[in-house]
Amino acid sequence: DELAALAAAREMEAVVFKSHVTLTADRAWLARKHVPGVKIFGGVTLNGAVGGLNAQAVEWMWRMQGGYGRVVWFPTFDADNHVRRAGTAPAGICVVDERGAVLPAAREVLKVCAAQRLVVHTGHASAEQALALIAAARDEGCERIVVTHAQFDVVGMNEAQMKKAAAMGAKMEICALGMFVGPEAVLEFMRHSPRVPPALTAACIKSVGAQHFVLGTDLGQAGNPTPADGLQMFVAGLQAEGISREQIQTMGREVPGALLMG
């Protein structure tokens, strides 16, 4: 309710609630009931807590009362790519096999996403794995595909890969959190990732094209700015680097609006 109220106070039209461990479609319904003036959406992240690549978890998420569950994130903190990079486990939830082919369980998830026109997020897959997921999603009929915080080191998409993803019909999520990670980060686990300054993000936007990006925050951690404050800071940083108001509107309103409500 507090996050929704902050978004409404800033006259944001819509916001998406994300959790790494539980669905948020129910919270979207409750927050809409309690906070008028803002459209709230939820989803589910396919980490171990919901059974990993579990098509049933996706099915029950979108069936939640209100129909506000619109986003499916492939594994994040439990992703094989994430845990191997972080050294937190010898292996995690895989989305591709040893040959790089997308696993049947992932394709079952994508089939549900296609049938319900859900937004598919690639999660903490590597750049190459994300490209494989995009291709599989298109094969299964998905039209709403986003590379989760494409610039963060856990994904690490370069501009050439972003352009390839864009040519395949995917959008790249860019996030305010990138400004707050690095050696000076408030939270210890965020000190091991390199900072993503607005100048670097602006360069990607200018090279790839604003129509291929969606603004996000990835905020919500204790000690960091609120998502509403972080978004405002992010937009200001991008504008200072030459990103126009029209480009901000494309990435912050038109692209996410088409994904969630189109």
C-alpha atoms as a PDB file:
ATOM      1  CA  ASP A   1       0.000   0.000   0.000  1.00  0.00           C
ATOM      2  CA  GLU A   2       2.843   2.385   0.814  1.00  0.00           C
ATOM      3  CA  LEU A   3       4.585   1.780  -2.509  1.00  0.00           C
ATOM      4  CA  ALA A   4       1.316   2.232  -4.369  1.00  0.00           C
ATOM      5  CA  ALA A   5       0.600   5.448  -2.462  1.00  0.00           C
ATOM      6  CA  LEU A   6       4.057   6.807  -3.340  1.00  0.00           C
ATOM      7  CA  ALA A   7       3.464   6.021  -7.016  1.00  0.00           C
ATOM      8  CA  ALA A   8       0.032   7.640  -6.948  1.00  0.00           C
ATOM      9  CA  ALA A   9       1.414  10.736  -5.204  1.00  0.00           C
ATOM     10  CA  ARG A  10       3.962  11.130  -8.042  1.00  0.00           C
ATOM     11  CA  GLU A  11       1.116  10.801 -10.571  1.00  0.00           C
ATOM     12  CA  MET A  12       2.600   7.630 -12.025  1.00  0.00           C
ATOM     13  CA  GLU A  13       0.014   5.858 -14.149  1.00  0.00           C
ATOM     14  CA  ALA A  14       1.121   2.327 -13.351  1.00  0.00           C
ATOM     15  CA  VAL A  15       3.600   0.282 -11.352  1.00  0.00           C
ATOM     16  CA  VAL A  16       4.649  -3.382 -11.280  1.00  0.00           C
ATOM     17  CA  PHE A  17       5.293  -5.191  -7.980  1.00  0.00           C
ATOM     18  CA  LYS A  18       8.030  -7.843  -8.082  1.00  0.00           C
ATOM     19  CA  SER A  19       9.131 -10.392  -5.491  1.00  0.00           C
ATOM     20  CA  HIS A  20      11.920 -12.935  -5.879  1.00  0.00           C
ATOM     21  CA  VAL A  21      10.070 -15.510  -3.759  1.00  0.00           C
ATOM     22  CA  THR A  22       6.304 -15.190  -4.151  1.00  0.00           C
ATOM     23  CA  LEU A  23       3.650 -14.095  -6.615  1.00  0.00           C
ATOM     24  CA  THR A  24       2.515 -10.470  -6.465  1.00  0.00           C
ATOM     25  CA  ALA A  25      -0.743 -10.649  -8.456  1.00  0.00           C
ATOM     26  CA  ASP A  26      -2.668 -10.868  -5.158  1.00  0.00           C
ATOM     27  CA  ARG A  27      -0.871  -7.816  -3.771  1.00  0.00           C
ATOM     28  CA  ALA A  28      -1.691  -5.916  -6.944  1.00  0.00           C
ATOM     29  CA  TRP A  29      -5.389  -6.636  -6.409  1.00  0.00           C
ATOM     30  CA  LEU A  30      -5.235  -5.552  -2.754  1.00  0.00           C
ATOM     31  CA  ALA A  31      -3.244  -2.392  -3.446  1.00  0.00           C
ATOM     32  CA  ARG A  32      -5.622  -1.355  -6.230  1.00  0.00           C
ATOM     33  CA  LYS A  33      -8.469  -1.809  -3.780  1.00  0.00           C
ATOM     34  CA  HIS A  34      -6.818   0.392  -1.166  1.00  0.00           C
ATOM     35  CA  VAL A  35      -5.028   3.028  -3.290  1.00  0.00           C
ATOM     36  CA  PRO A  36      -7.033   4.706  -6.061  1.00  0.00           C
ATOM     37  CA  GLY A  37      -5.435   6.535  -8.940  1.00  0.00           C
ATOM     38  CA  VAL A  38      -2.717   4.117 -10.024  1.00  0.00           C
ATOM     39  CA  LYS A  39      -2.779   0.875 -12.029  1.00  0.00           C
ATOM     40  CA  ILE A  40      -0.881  -1.844 -10.186  1.00  0.00           C
ATOM     41  CA  PHE A  41       0.301  -5.091 -11.741  1.00  0.00           C
ATOM     42  CA  GLY A  42       2.058  -8.152 -10.374  1.00  0.00           C
ATOM     43  CA  GLY A  43       3.632 -11.355 -11.537  1.00  0.00           C
ATOM     44  CA  VAL A  44       5.719 -14.333 -10.465  1.00  0.00           C
ATOM     45  CA  THR A  45       9.452 -15.058 -10.416  1.00  0.00           C
ATOM     46  CA  LEU A  46      10.383 -18.662 -11.188  1.00  0.00           C
ATOM     47  CA  ASN A  47      12.852 -19.223  -8.371  1.00  0.00           C
ATOM     48  CA  GLY A  48      12.978 -22.276  -6.133  1.00  0.00           C
ATOM     49  CA  ALA A  49      10.318 -20.969  -3.761  1.00  0.00           C
ATOM     50  CA  VAL A  50       7.624 -21.435  -6.434  1.00  0.00           C
ATOM     51  CA  GLY A  51       9.063 -24.639  -7.869  1.00  0.00           C
ATOM     52  CA  GLY A  52      11.460 -23.199 -10.428  1.00  0.00           C
ATOM     53  CA  LEU A  53      10.378 -23.576 -14.054  1.00  0.00           C
ATOM     54  CA  ASN A  54       6.839 -24.340 -12.971  1.00  0.00           C
ATOM     55  CA  ALA A  55       4.159 -23.710 -15.585  1.00  0.00           C
ATOM     56  CA  GLN A  56       1.478 -24.313 -12.943  1.00  0.00           C
ATOM     57  CA  ALA A  57       2.835 -21.431 -10.870  1.00  0.00           C
ATOM     58  CA  VAL A  58       2.459 -19.185 -13.917  1.00  0.00           C
ATOM     59  CA  GLU A  59      -1.035 -20.490 -14.634  1.00  0.00           C
ATOM     60  CA  TRP A  60      -2.289 -19.850 -11.097  1.00  0.00           C
ATOM     61  CA  MET A  61      -0.602 -16.458 -10.996  1.00  0.00           C
ATOM     62  CA  TRP A  62      -2.532 -15.111 -13.994  1.00  0.00           C
ATOM     63  CA  ARG A  63      -5.753 -16.665 -12.688  1.00  0.00           C
ATOM     64  CA  MET A  64      -5.482 -14.670  -9.448  1.00  0.00           C
ATOM     65  CA  GLN A  65      -8.496 -12.443  -8.757  1.00  0.00           C
ATOM     66  CA  GLY A  66      -8.491  -9.202 -10.717  1.00  0.00           C
ATOM     67  CA  GLY A  67      -6.337 -10.492 -13.571  1.00  0.00           C
ATOM     68  CA  TYR A  68      -3.505  -8.128 -12.645  1.00  0.00           C
ATOM     69  CA  GLY A  69      -0.758 -10.755 -12.814  1.00  0.00           C
ATOM     70  CA  ARG A  70       0.952  -9.841 -16.072  1.00  0.00           C
ATOM     71  CA  VAL A  71       4.698 -10.507 -15.720  1.00  0.00           C
ATOM     72  CA  VAL A  72       6.724 -13.734 -15.533  1.00  0.00           C
ATOM     73  CA  TRP A  73      10.377 -13.504 -14.564  1.00  0.00           C
ATOM     74  CA  PHE A  74      12.593 -16.469 -15.334  1.00  0.00           C
ATOM     75  CA  PRO A  75      14.875 -17.414 -12.389  1.00  0.00           C
ATOM     76  CA  THR A  76      16.777 -14.569 -10.736  1.00  0.00           C
ATOM     77  CA  PHE A  77      18.696 -15.255  -7.508  1.00  0.00           C
ATOM     78  CA  ASP A  78      18.334 -19.022  -8.051  1.00  0.00           C
ATOM     79  CA  ALA A  79      19.347 -18.954 -11.724  1.00  0.00           C
ATOM     80  CA  ASP A  80      22.286 -21.186 -12.600  1.00  0.00           C
ATOM     81  CA  ASN A  81      24.083 -18.222 -14.143  1.00  0.00           C
ATOM     82  CA  HIS A  82      23.536 -16.142 -10.990  1.00  0.00           C
ATOM     83  CA  VAL A  83      24.656 -18.694  -8.382  1.00  0.00           C
ATOM     84  CA  ARG A  84      27.736 -19.733 -10.378  1.00  0.00           C
ATOM     85  CA  ARG A  85      28.802 -16.108 -10.784  1.00  0.00           C
ATOM     86  CA  ALA A  86      28.118 -15.281  -7.135  1.00  0.00           C
ATOM     87  CA  GLY A  87      29.574 -18.523  -5.786  1.00  0.00           C
ATOM     88  CA  THR A  88      26.497 -19.088  -3.626  1.00  0.00           C
ATOM     89  CA  ALA A  89      25.829 -22.638  -4.882  1.00  0.00           C
ATOM     90  CA  PRO A  90      27.497 -25.156  -7.201  1.00  0.00           C
ATOM     91  CA  ALA A  91      24.499 -25.041  -9.547  1.00  0.00           C
ATOM     92  CA  GLY A  92      21.112 -23.391  -9.866  1.00  0.00           C
ATOM     93  CA  ILE A  93      17.968 -23.500 -11.970  1.00  0.00           C
ATOM     94  CA  CYS A  94      18.946 -23.912 -15.610  1.00  0.00           C
ATOM     95  CA  VAL A  95      16.985 -22.487 -18.539  1.00  0.00           C
ATOM     96  CA  VAL A  96      19.200 -24.034 -21.222  1.00  0.00           C
ATOM     97  CA  ASP A  97      21.014 -27.348 -21.543  1.00  0.00           C
ATOM     98  CA  GLU A  98      24.752 -27.857 -21.989  1.00  0.00           C
ATOM     99  CA  ARG A  99      24.370 -27.175 -25.730  1.00  0.00           C
ATOM    100  CA  GLY A 100      22.572 -23.891 -25.112  1.00  0.00           C
ATOM    101  CA  ALA A 101      19.144 -25.187 -26.149  1.00  0.00           C
ATOM    102  CA  VAL A 102      16.185 -23.924 -24.115  1.00  0.00           C
ATOM    103  CA  LEU A 103      14.873 -26.666 -21.822  1.00  0.00           C
ATOM    104  CA  PRO A 104      11.426 -28.253 -22.337  1.00  0.00           C
ATOM    105  CA  ALA A 105      10.266 -26.998 -18.902  1.00  0.00           C
ATOM    106  CA  ALA A 106      11.089 -23.436 -19.940  1.00  0.00           C
ATOM    107  CA  ARG A 107       9.134 -23.919 -23.155  1.00  0.00           C
ATOM    108  CA  GLU A 108       6.113 -25.115 -21.171  1.00  0.00           C
ATOM    109  CA  VAL A 109       6.249 -21.858 -19.224  1.00  0.00           C
ATOM    110  CA  LEU A 110       6.511 -19.909 -22.472  1.00  0.00           C
ATOM    111  CA  LYS A 111       3.445 -21.688 -23.866  1.00  0.00           C
ATOM    112  CA  VAL A 112       1.369 -20.430 -20.911  1.00  0.00           C
ATOM    113  CA  CYS A 113       2.819 -16.942 -21.337  1.00  0.00           C
ATOM    114  CA  ALA A 114       1.910 -16.926 -25.021  1.00  0.00           C
ATOM    115  CA  ALA A 115      -1.632 -18.146 -24.402  1.00  0.00           C
ATOM    116  CA  GLN A 116      -2.260 -15.425 -21.797  1.00  0.00           C
ATOM    117  CA  ARG A 117      -0.216 -12.684 -23.523  1.00  0.00           C
ATOM    118  CA  LEU A 118       1.992 -12.283 -20.460  1.00  0.00           C
ATOM    119  CA  VAL A 119       5.215 -10.287 -20.319  1.00  0.00           C
ATOM    120  CA  VAL A 120       8.231 -12.630 -20.344  1.00  0.00           C
ATOM    121  CA  HIS A 121      11.308 -11.396 -18.447  1.00  0.00           C
ATOM    122  CA  THR A 122      14.566 -13.287 -18.987  1.00  0.00           C
ATOM    123  CA  GLY A 123      15.678 -13.006 -15.328  1.00  0.00           C
ATOM    124  CA  HIS A 124      19.307 -13.507 -14.353  1.00  0.00           C
ATOM    125  CA  ALA A 125      20.194 -15.553 -17.406  1.00  0.00           C
ATOM    126  CA  SER A 126      23.421 -14.601 -19.137  1.00  0.00           C
ATOM    127  CA  ALA A 127      23.282 -12.488 -22.278  1.00  0.00           C
ATOM    128  CA  GLU A 128      23.612 -15.544 -24.531  1.00  0.00           C
ATOM    129  CA  GLN A 129      21.017 -17.473 -22.517  1.00  0.00           C
ATOM    130  CA  ALA A 130      18.685 -14.482 -22.718  1.00  0.00           C
ATOM    131  CA  LEU A 131      19.008 -14.433 -26.500  1.00  0.00           C
ATOM    132  CA  ALA A 132      18.169 -18.150 -26.581  1.00  0.00           C
ATOM    133  CA  LEU A 133      15.125 -17.505 -24.362  1.00  0.00           C
ATOM    134  CA  ILE A 134      13.981 -14.690 -26.668  1.00  0.00           C
ATOM    135  CA  ALA A 135      14.202 -16.981 -29.700  1.00  0.00           C
ATOM    136  CA  ALA A 136      12.296 -19.741 -27.890  1.00  0.00           C
ATOM    137  CA  ALA A 137       9.673 -17.265 -26.670  1.00  0.00           C
ATOM    138  CA  ARG A 138       9.077 -16.079 -30.216  1.00  0.00           C
ATOM    139  CA  ASP A 139       8.867 -19.707 -31.404  1.00  0.00           C
ATOM    140  CA  GLU A 140       6.173 -20.379 -28.790  1.00  0.00           C
ATOM    141  CA  GLY A 141       4.162 -17.299 -29.775  1.00  0.00           C
ATOM    142  CA  CYS A 142       5.185 -14.781 -27.098  1.00  0.00           C
ATOM    143  CA  GLU A 143       5.097 -11.170 -28.250  1.00  0.00           C
ATOM    144  CA  ARG A 144       5.962  -9.370 -24.994  1.00  0.00           C
ATOM    145  CA  ILE A 145       9.573 -10.077 -24.053  1.00  0.00           C
ATOM    146  CA  VAL A 146      11.974  -8.089 -21.862  1.00  0.00           C
ATOM    147  CA  VAL A 147      15.642  -8.649 -21.054  1.00  0.00           C
ATOM    148  CA  THR A 148      15.818  -8.144 -17.288  1.00  0.00           C
ATOM    149  CA  HIS A 149      18.201  -5.290 -16.319  1.00  0.00           C
ATOM    150  CA  ALA A 150      20.271  -5.936 -19.407  1.00  0.00           C
ATOM    151  CA  GLN A 151      23.220  -3.784 -18.296  1.00  0.00           C
ATOM    152  CA  PHE A 152      23.802  -5.346 -14.887  1.00  0.00           C
ATOM    153  CA  ASP A 153      26.880  -7.547 -14.675  1.00  0.00           C
ATOM    154  CA  VAL A 154      24.889 -10.721 -13.955  1.00  0.00           C
ATOM    155  CA  VAL A 155      23.369 -10.396 -17.455  1.00  0.00           C
ATOM    156  CA  GLY A 156      26.035  -8.260 -19.102  1.00  0.00           C
ATOM    157  CA  MET A 157      24.530  -7.523 -22.513  1.00  0.00           C
ATOM    158  CA  ASN A 158      26.779  -5.484 -24.760  1.00  0.00           C
ATOM    159  CA  GLU A 159      25.388  -3.114 -27.385  1.00  0.00           C
ATOM    160  CA  ALA A 160      25.712  -5.660 -30.201  1.00  0.00           C
ATOM    161  CA  GLN A 161      23.691  -8.188 -28.193  1.00  0.00           C
ATOM    162  CA  MET A 162      21.115  -5.510 -27.336  1.00  0.00           C
ATOM    163  CA  LYS A 163      20.697  -4.749 -31.020  1.00  0.00           C
ATOM    164  CA  LYS A 164      20.292  -8.463 -31.735  1.00  0.00           C
ATOM    165  CA  ALA A 165      17.668  -8.770 -28.988  1.00  0.00           C
ATOM    166  CA  ALA A 166      15.857  -5.711 -30.346  1.00  0.00           C
ATOM    167  CA  ALA A 167      15.861  -7.180 -33.859  1.00  0.00           C
ATOM    168  CA  MET A 168      14.191 -10.278 -32.377  1.00  0.00           C
ATOM    169  CA  GLY A 169      11.441  -8.129 -30.887  1.00  0.00           C
ATOM    170  CA  ALA A 170      12.584  -7.922 -27.256  1.00  0.00           C
ATOM    171  CA  LYS A 171      12.882  -4.825 -25.091  1.00  0.00           C
ATOM    172  CA  MET A 172      15.771  -4.134 -22.729  1.00  0.00           C
ATOM    173  CA  GLU A 173      15.021  -3.123 -19.152  1.00  0.00           C
ATOM    174  CA  ILE A 174      17.251  -0.351 -17.803  1.00  0.00           C
ATOM    175  CA  CYS A 175      17.152   0.255 -14.056  1.00  0.00           C
ATOM    176  CA  ALA A 176      17.793   3.012 -11.551  1.00  0.00           C
ATOM    177  CA  LEU A 177      19.485   0.541  -9.198  1.00  0.00           C
ATOM    178  CA  GLY A 178      22.561   0.629 -11.416  1.00  0.00           C
ATOM    179  CA  MET A 179      23.351   4.076 -10.004  1.00  0.00           C
ATOM    180  CA  PHE A 180      23.408   2.734  -6.438  1.00  0.00           C
ATOM    181  CA  VAL A 181      25.540  -0.424  -6.693  1.00  0.00           C
ATOM    182  CA  GLY A 182      29.317  -0.548  -6.498  1.00  0.00           C
ATOM    183  CA  PRO A 183      31.894  -0.215  -3.689  1.00  0.00           C
ATOM    184  CA  GLU A 184      29.940   2.574  -1.969  1.00  0.00           C
ATOM    185  CA  ALA A 185      26.590   0.744  -1.975  1.00  0.00           C
ATOM    186  CA  VAL A 186      24.547   0.779   1.222  1.00  0.00           C
ATOM    187  CA  LEU A 187      23.977  -2.994   1.120  1.00  0.00           C
ATOM    188  CA  GLU A 188      26.969  -5.329   1.248  1.00  0.00           C
ATOM    189  CA  PHE A 189      25.771  -7.712  -1.472  1.00  0.00           C
ATOM    190  CA  MET A 190      25.513  -4.795  -3.918  1.00  0.00           C
ATOM    191  CA  ARG A 191      29.143  -3.740  -3.456  1.00  0.00           C
ATOM    192  CA  HIS A 192      30.441  -6.495  -5.721  1.00  0.00           C
ATOM    193  CA  SER A 193      28.745  -5.242  -8.896  1.00  0.00           C
ATOM    194  CA  PRO A 194      30.134  -2.371 -10.966  1.00  0.00           C
ATOM    195  CA  ARG A 195      28.119   0.852 -10.951  1.00  0.00           C
ATOM    196  CA  VAL A 196      26.168   1.649 -14.122  1.00  0.00           C
ATOM    197  CA  PRO A 197      26.320   5.435 -14.499  1.00  0.00           C
ATOM    198  CA  PRO A 198      23.601   7.304 -16.432  1.00  0.00           C
ATOM    199  CA  ALA A 199      26.175   8.250 -19.086  1.00  0.00           C
ATOM    200  CA  LEU A 200      26.673   4.588 -19.995  1.00  0.00           C
ATOM    201  CA  THR A 201      22.933   3.949 -20.107  1.00  0.00           C
ATOM    202  CA  ALA A 202      22.364   7.060 -22.225  1.00  0.00           C
ATOM    203  CA  ALA A 203      24.989   5.870 -24.706  1.00  0.00           C
ATOM    204  CA  CYS A 204      23.150   2.548 -25.084  1.00  0.00           C
ATOM    205  CA  ILE A 205      19.839   4.326 -25.639  1.00  0.00           C
ATOM    206  CA  LYS A 206      21.354   6.556 -28.321  1.00  0.00           C
ATOM    207  CA  SER A 207      22.990   3.599 -30.046  1.00  0.00           C
ATOM    208  CA  VAL A 208      20.146   1.046 -29.914  1.00  0.00           C
ATOM    209  CA  GLY A 209      17.115   3.366 -29.911  1.00  0.00           C
ATOM    210  CA  ALA A 210      14.744   4.408 -27.123  1.00  0.00           C
ATOM    211  CA  GLN A 211      11.884   2.363 -28.606  1.00  0.00           C
ATOM    212  CA  HIS A 212      13.764  -0.793 -27.574  1.00  0.00           C
ATOM    213  CA  PHE A 213      14.035   0.060 -23.850  1.00  0.00           C
ATOM    214  CA  VAL A 214      11.774   0.107 -20.818  1.00  0.00           C
ATOM    215  CA  LEU A 215      12.497   2.130 -17.683  1.00  0.00           C
ATOM    216  CA  GLY A 216      12.534   0.262 -14.390  1.00  0.00           C
ATOM    217  CA  THR A 217      14.037   0.754 -10.960  1.00  0.00           C
ATOM    218  CA  ASP A 218      14.831  -2.691  -9.433  1.00  0.00           C
ATOM    219  CA  LEU A 219      14.630  -0.797  -6.142  1.00  0.00           C
ATOM    220  CA  GLY A 220      12.761  -1.689  -2.963  1.00  0.00           C
ATOM    221  CA  GLN A 221      15.711  -2.732  -0.793  1.00  0.00           C
ATOM    222  CA  ALA A 222      16.064  -1.276   2.709  1.00  0.00           C
ATOM    223  CA  GLY A 223      18.552   1.591   2.693  1.00  0.00           C
ATOM    224  CA  ASN A 224      18.124   2.474  -0.979  1.00  0.00           C
ATOM    225  CA  PRO A 225      15.832   5.192  -2.362  1.00  0.00           C
ATOM    226  CA  THR A 226      12.189   4.245  -2.817  1.00  0.00           C
ATOM    227  CA  PRO A 227      11.228   3.136  -6.336  1.00  0.00           C
ATOM    228  CA  ALA A 228       9.385   6.435  -6.886  1.00  0.00           C
ATOM    229  CA  ASP A 229      12.384   8.522  -5.767  1.00  0.00           C
ATOM    230  CA  GLY A 230      14.822   6.309  -7.643  1.00  0.00           C
ATOM    231  CA  LEU A 231      12.888   6.616 -10.875  1.00  0.00           C
ATOM    232  CA  GLN A 232      12.901  10.406 -10.587  1.00  0.00           C
ATOM    233  CA  MET A 233      16.670  10.397  -9.963  1.00  0.00           C
ATOM    234  CA  PHE A 234      17.238   8.023 -12.879  1.00  0.00           C
ATOM    235  CA  VAL A 235      15.230  10.156 -15.298  1.00  0.00           C
ATOM    236  CA  ALA A 236      17.079  13.282 -14.176  1.00  0.00           C
ATOM    237  CA  GLY A 237      20.414  11.522 -14.689  1.00  0.00           C
ATOM    238  CA  LEU A 238      19.490  10.379 -18.194  1.00  0.00           C
ATOM    239  CA  GLN A 239      18.233  13.841 -19.177  1.00  0.00           C
ATOM    240  CA  ALA A 240      21.508  15.329 -17.962  1.00  0.00           C
ATOM    241  CA  GLU A 241      23.250  12.989 -20.437  1.00  0.00           C
ATOM    242  CA  GLY A 242      21.196  14.183 -23.399  1.00  0.00           C
ATOM    243  CA  ILE A 243      18.186  11.863 -23.345  1.00  0.00           C
ATOM    244  CA  SER A 244      15.140  13.872 -24.401  1.00  0.00           C
ATOM    245  CA  ARG A 245      11.766  14.149 -22.709  1.00  0.00           C
ATOM    246  CA  GLU A 246      10.255  12.340 -25.705  1.00  0.00           C
ATOM    247  CA  GLN A 247      12.678   9.441 -25.310  1.00  0.00           C
ATOM    248  CA  ILE A 248      11.906   9.262 -21.586  1.00  0.00           C
ATOM    249  CA  GLN A 249       8.199   9.116 -22.403  1.00  0.00           C
ATOM    250  CA  THR A 250       8.811   6.345 -24.938  1.00  0.00           C
ATOM    251  CA  MET A 251      10.750   4.211 -22.447  1.00  0.00           C
ATOM    252  CA  GLY A 252       8.752   5.121 -19.360  1.00  0.00           C
ATOM    253  CA  ARG A 253       5.216   5.188 -20.739  1.00  0.00           C
ATOM    254  CA  GLU A 254       4.703   3.970 -24.298  1.00  0.00           C
ATOM    255  CA  VAL A 255       6.817   0.807 -24.216  1.00  0.00           C
ATOM    256  CA  PRO A 256       5.752  -0.446 -20.765  1.00  0.00           C
ATOM    257  CA  GLY A 257       2.160   0.592 -21.501  1.00  0.00           C
ATOM    258  CA  ALA A 258       2.117  -1.579 -24.617  1.00  0.00           C
ATOM    259  CA  LEU A 259       3.672  -4.478 -22.713  1.00  0.00           C
ATOM    260  CA  LEU A 260       1.253  -4.364 -19.789  1.00  0.00           C
ATOM    261  CA  MET A 261      -1.946  -3.009 -21.294  1.00  0.00           C
ATOM    262  CA  GLY A 262      -1.672  -3.129 -25.082  1.00  0.00           C
END
